[in-house]
């Protein structure tokens, strides 16, 4: 497997890990709720912040490992960014829905 393909699959896995971190943070702070009136914009922003920090940390780790082995080191920034955020969002929504349960009627 080529090095950029490895980076792509790493980003997919890290997107899932970021979703798990978001769910863990939601459980720890008790912000996961099935009451639709208590879901705020802060819930999304907390998750987005965790996802961005995870992506930035992964970039520096990947950069240290693969800079000398790829033709264009600038590709390490963008390779897999789409699948990372898509995997994060899909798994975060799926896990949030499974944990929170069906919405309560108002």
Foldseek 3Di string as FASTA:
>chain_A
DALLVVLQVVLLVLLLVLLVVLVVVCVVVVQLALAVVSDDVVSVVVSVVSLVVSLVVVLVVSCVVCVVPDPDSVVSNVRNPVSSNVSNVVNNVVVSCVVHDHHDDD
